[in-house]
C-alpha atoms as a PDB file:
ATOM      1  CA  MET A   1      32.118  14.849  11.623  1.00  0.00           C
ATOM      2  CA  LYS A   2      28.920  13.396  13.114  1.00  0.00           C
ATOM      3  CA  GLN A   3      26.735  11.622  10.534  1.00  0.00           C
ATOM      4  CA  LYS A   4      23.344  12.002   9.933  1.00  0.00           C
ATOM      5  CA  ALA A   5      20.756   9.253  10.942  1.00  0.00           C
ATOM      6  CA  GLY A   6      19.626   7.427   7.643  1.00  0.00           C
ATOM      7  CA  LEU A   7      21.973   5.186   5.735  1.00  0.00           C
ATOM      8  CA  PRO A   8      25.142   7.796   6.480  1.00  0.00           C
ATOM      9  CA  THR A   9      27.505   4.910   3.815  1.00  0.00           C
ATOM     10  CA  ILE A  10      25.296   5.501   1.347  1.00  0.00           C
ATOM     11  CA  ARG A  11      27.989   7.835  -0.907  1.00  0.00           C
ATOM     12  CA  PRO A  12      27.270   9.112  -4.364  1.00  0.00           C
ATOM     13  CA  LYS A  13      30.653   8.998  -5.677  1.00  0.00           C
ATOM     14  CA  ARG A  14      30.782   5.475  -4.878  1.00  0.00           C
ATOM     15  CA  PHE A  15      27.831   4.250  -6.600  1.00  0.00           C
ATOM     16  CA  GLU A  16      28.810   6.866  -9.564  1.00  0.00           C
ATOM     17  CA  ALA A  17      32.246   5.429  -9.355  1.00  0.00           C
ATOM     18  CA  TYR A  18      30.322   2.437 -10.172  1.00  0.00           C
ATOM     19  CA  HIS A  19      28.457   4.015 -13.377  1.00  0.00           C
ATOM     20  CA  TRP A  20      25.229   4.038 -11.820  1.00  0.00           C
ATOM     21  CA  HIS A  21      23.320   7.002 -12.392  1.00  0.00           C
ATOM     22  CA  VAL A  22      23.113   8.762  -9.063  1.00  0.00           C
ATOM     23  CA  ILE A  23      20.141  11.351  -8.453  1.00  0.00           C
ATOM     24  CA  HIS A  24      21.381  13.545  -5.650  1.00  0.00           C
ATOM     25  CA  GLU A  25      19.335  14.877  -2.721  1.00  0.00           C
ATOM     26  CA  ILE A  26      15.930  15.672  -3.853  1.00  0.00           C
ATOM     27  CA  ASP A  27      13.511  16.707  -1.501  1.00  0.00           C
ATOM     28  CA  GLY A  28      11.688  13.673  -0.244  1.00  0.00           C
ATOM     29  CA  HIS A  29       8.379  15.255   1.167  1.00  0.00           C
ATOM     30  CA  ASP A  30       8.086  16.791  -2.567  1.00  0.00           C
ATOM     31  CA  PRO A  31       5.696  14.291  -4.050  1.00  0.00           C
ATOM     32  CA  GLN A  32       6.365  15.719  -7.434  1.00  0.00           C
ATOM     33  CA  ALA A  33      10.107  16.447  -7.063  1.00  0.00           C
ATOM     34  CA  VAL A  34       9.830  12.347  -5.827  1.00  0.00           C
ATOM     35  CA  LYS A  35       7.919  11.726  -8.667  1.00  0.00           C
ATOM     36  CA  GLU A  36      10.346  13.328 -11.483  1.00  0.00           C
ATOM     37  CA  ALA A  37      13.474  11.532  -9.803  1.00  0.00           C
ATOM     38  CA  ILE A  38      11.661   8.132 -10.648  1.00  0.00           C
ATOM     39  CA  LEU A  39      10.714   9.163 -14.288  1.00  0.00           C
ATOM     40  CA  GLU A  40      14.584   9.962 -14.657  1.00  0.00           C
ATOM     41  CA  ALA A  41      15.481   6.623 -13.371  1.00  0.00           C
ATOM     42  CA  GLN A  42      13.030   4.802 -15.597  1.00  0.00           C
ATOM     43  CA  SER A  43      14.184   6.515 -18.574  1.00  0.00           C
ATOM     44  CA  VAL A  44      18.040   5.489 -17.722  1.00  0.00           C
ATOM     45  CA  LYS A  45      17.730   2.219 -19.482  1.00  0.00           C
ATOM     46  CA  ASP A  46      21.574   0.969 -19.581  1.00  0.00           C
ATOM     47  CA  LYS A  47      22.273   1.313 -15.864  1.00  0.00           C
ATOM     48  CA  PRO A  48      20.602   1.109 -12.099  1.00  0.00           C
ATOM     49  CA  SER A  49      19.627   4.280 -10.980  1.00  0.00           C
ATOM     50  CA  LEU A  50      20.272   5.820  -7.229  1.00  0.00           C
ATOM     51  CA  ILE A  51      17.699   8.087  -5.954  1.00  0.00           C
ATOM     52  CA  ILE A  52      19.024  10.357  -2.466  1.00  0.00           C
ATOM     53  CA  CYS A  53      16.110  11.820  -1.239  1.00  0.00           C
ATOM     54  CA  ARG A  54      16.320  14.141   1.927  1.00  0.00           C
ATOM     55  CA  THR A  55      13.530  13.708   4.570  1.00  0.00           C
ATOM     56  CA  VAL A  56      12.925  14.332   8.223  1.00  0.00           C
ATOM     57  CA  ILE A  57      12.064  11.779  10.874  1.00  0.00           C
ATOM     58  CA  GLY A  58       8.728  12.587  11.992  1.00  0.00           C
ATOM     59  CA  PHE A  59       7.878  14.812   9.505  1.00  0.00           C
ATOM     60  CA  GLY A  60       4.551  16.838   9.884  1.00  0.00           C
ATOM     61  CA  SER A  61       4.927  16.404  13.978  1.00  0.00           C
ATOM     62  CA  PRO A  62       4.572  19.932  15.218  1.00  0.00           C
ATOM     63  CA  ASN A  63       6.857  18.785  18.575  1.00  0.00           C
ATOM     64  CA  LYS A  64       8.742  16.117  17.120  1.00  0.00           C
ATOM     65  CA  ALA A  65      10.121  16.171  13.522  1.00  0.00           C
ATOM     66  CA  GLY A  66      13.716  15.821  13.467  1.00  0.00           C
ATOM     67  CA  LYS A  67      13.871  14.190  16.690  1.00  0.00           C
ATOM     68  CA  GLU A  68      15.034  10.736  17.636  1.00  0.00           C
ATOM     69  CA  GLU A  69      11.907  10.261  19.780  1.00  0.00           C
ATOM     70  CA  ALA A  70       9.790  10.064  16.753  1.00  0.00           C
ATOM     71  CA  HIS A  71      11.811   6.858  15.356  1.00  0.00           C
ATOM     72  CA  GLY A  72      10.521   3.718  16.916  1.00  0.00           C
ATOM     73  CA  ALA A  73       7.928   5.021  19.695  1.00  0.00           C
ATOM     74  CA  PRO A  74       4.042   6.161  19.262  1.00  0.00           C
ATOM     75  CA  LEU A  75       3.651   9.801  19.044  1.00  0.00           C
ATOM     76  CA  GLY A  76       0.518   9.706  21.163  1.00  0.00           C
ATOM     77  CA  GLU A  77      -2.840  10.824  20.231  1.00  0.00           C
ATOM     78  CA  GLU A  78      -2.379  14.324  20.669  1.00  0.00           C
ATOM     79  CA  GLU A  79       0.806  14.817  18.753  1.00  0.00           C
ATOM     80  CA  VAL A  80      -1.307  12.795  15.865  1.00  0.00           C
ATOM     81  CA  ALA A  81      -3.848  15.005  15.849  1.00  0.00           C
ATOM     82  CA  LEU A  82      -1.736  17.877  15.911  1.00  0.00           C
ATOM     83  CA  ALA A  83       0.467  16.110  13.176  1.00  0.00           C
ATOM     84  CA  ARG A  84      -3.116  15.674  11.071  1.00  0.00           C
ATOM     85  CA  GLN A  85      -4.104  19.623  11.231  1.00  0.00           C
ATOM     86  CA  LYS A  86      -0.406  20.722  10.113  1.00  0.00           C
ATOM     87  CA  LEU A  87      -0.177  18.191   7.367  1.00  0.00           C
ATOM     88  CA  GLY A  88      -4.067  19.220   6.310  1.00  0.00           C
ATOM     89  CA  TRP A  89      -5.097  15.244   6.798  1.00  0.00           C
ATOM     90  CA  HIS A  90      -8.775  15.845   7.813  1.00  0.00           C
ATOM     91  CA  HIS A  91      -9.891  12.273   6.913  1.00  0.00           C
ATOM     92  CA  PRO A  92     -10.800  10.053   9.872  1.00  0.00           C
ATOM     93  CA  PRO A  93      -8.220   7.646  10.883  1.00  0.00           C
ATOM     94  CA  PHE A  94      -7.567   4.358   8.745  1.00  0.00           C
ATOM     95  CA  GLU A  95      -9.905   6.095   6.274  1.00  0.00           C
ATOM     96  CA  ILE A  96      -8.075   6.339   2.606  1.00  0.00           C
ATOM     97  CA  PRO A  97      -9.572   8.709   0.305  1.00  0.00           C
ATOM     98  CA  LYS A  98     -11.147   7.445  -2.568  1.00  0.00           C
ATOM     99  CA  GLU A  99      -8.630   9.143  -5.323  1.00  0.00           C
ATOM    100  CA  ILE A 100      -5.696   7.755  -3.517  1.00  0.00           C
ATOM    101  CA  TYR A 101      -6.755   4.455  -3.053  1.00  0.00           C
ATOM    102  CA  HIS A 102      -7.443   3.842  -6.901  1.00  0.00           C
ATOM    103  CA  ALA A 103      -3.979   5.737  -7.772  1.00  0.00           C
ATOM    104  CA  TRP A 104      -2.552   3.273  -5.775  1.00  0.00           C
ATOM    105  CA  ASP A 105      -4.711   0.134  -6.243  1.00  0.00           C
ATOM    106  CA  ALA A 106      -1.921  -2.202  -8.570  1.00  0.00           C
ATOM    107  CA  ARG A 107      -4.823  -5.350  -8.824  1.00  0.00           C
ATOM    108  CA  GLU A 108      -5.657  -4.631 -12.546  1.00  0.00           C
ATOM    109  CA  LYS A 109      -1.831  -3.976 -13.643  1.00  0.00           C
ATOM    110  CA  GLY A 110      -1.113  -7.262 -11.032  1.00  0.00           C
ATOM    111  CA  GLU A 111      -3.560  -9.684 -12.748  1.00  0.00           C
ATOM    112  CA  LYS A 112      -2.261  -8.214 -16.456  1.00  0.00           C
ATOM    113  CA  ALA A 113       0.948  -9.169 -15.549  1.00  0.00           C
ATOM    114  CA  GLN A 114       0.189 -12.122 -14.005  1.00  0.00           C
ATOM    115  CA  GLN A 115      -1.563 -13.121 -16.810  1.00  0.00           C
ATOM    116  CA  SER A 116       1.628 -12.131 -19.269  1.00  0.00           C
ATOM    117  CA  TRP A 117       3.852 -14.309 -17.141  1.00  0.00           C
ATOM    118  CA  ASN A 118       1.538 -17.563 -17.394  1.00  0.00           C
ATOM    119  CA  GLU A 119       1.421 -16.828 -21.107  1.00  0.00           C
ATOM    120  CA  LYS A 120       5.245 -16.480 -20.982  1.00  0.00           C
ATOM    121  CA  PHE A 121       6.043 -19.150 -19.055  1.00  0.00           C
ATOM    122  CA  ALA A 122       3.713 -21.778 -21.132  1.00  0.00           C
ATOM    123  CA  ALA A 123       5.758 -21.067 -24.213  1.00  0.00           C
ATOM    124  CA  TYR A 124       8.614 -21.521 -22.451  1.00  0.00           C
ATOM    125  CA  LYS A 125       7.300 -24.764 -21.024  1.00  0.00           C
ATOM    126  CA  ARG A 126       6.619 -25.774 -24.570  1.00  0.00           C
ATOM    127  CA  LEU A 127       9.964 -24.690 -25.718  1.00  0.00           C
ATOM    128  CA  ILE A 128      11.511 -26.830 -23.445  1.00  0.00           C
ATOM    129  CA  ARG A 129       9.729 -30.016 -24.621  1.00  0.00           C
ATOM    130  CA  ASN A 130      10.604 -29.216 -28.393  1.00  0.00           C
ATOM    131  CA  TRP A 131      13.954 -29.092 -27.307  1.00  0.00           C
ATOM    132  CA  GLN A 132      14.017 -32.224 -25.006  1.00  0.00           C
ATOM    133  CA  LYS A 133      12.911 -33.936 -28.691  1.00  0.00           C
ATOM    134  CA  SER A 134      15.418 -32.955 -30.962  1.00  0.00           C
ATOM    135  CA  LEU A 135      18.569 -33.482 -29.072  1.00  0.00           C
ATOM    136  CA  PRO A 136      20.829 -36.194 -30.107  1.00  0.00           C
ATOM    137  CA  ASP A 137      20.649 -39.336 -28.021  1.00  0.00           C
ATOM    138  CA  GLY A 138      24.093 -40.051 -26.090  1.00  0.00           C
END
């Protein structure tokens, strides 16, 4: 049996045997399916999750999708233009639409997480100093 590209050694049954939460073969090109799988994985609190996505290498490329030549080599200007047209992407190269930029901008969340971590670490350092004062000699 010929193995497909990707992670051929990942076998869902192995991870199920390890008591992982396994979400089987979603369409990795369907944003809603990916979102639902992530939400499902996040809802499982007592074990790790594995999401298995099926994707096509070179997705959107009319002449190279599903072919080895889409991996590790540039598509070329003409193929990129065709892929952009097929995918309905009408923005200039390297321009990120504002709604996508804002959805992916994690600076505020990161700053809050950093501040929270700094507060916890400061409390931890105070706790350690107090422990050292309360330990018996010898």
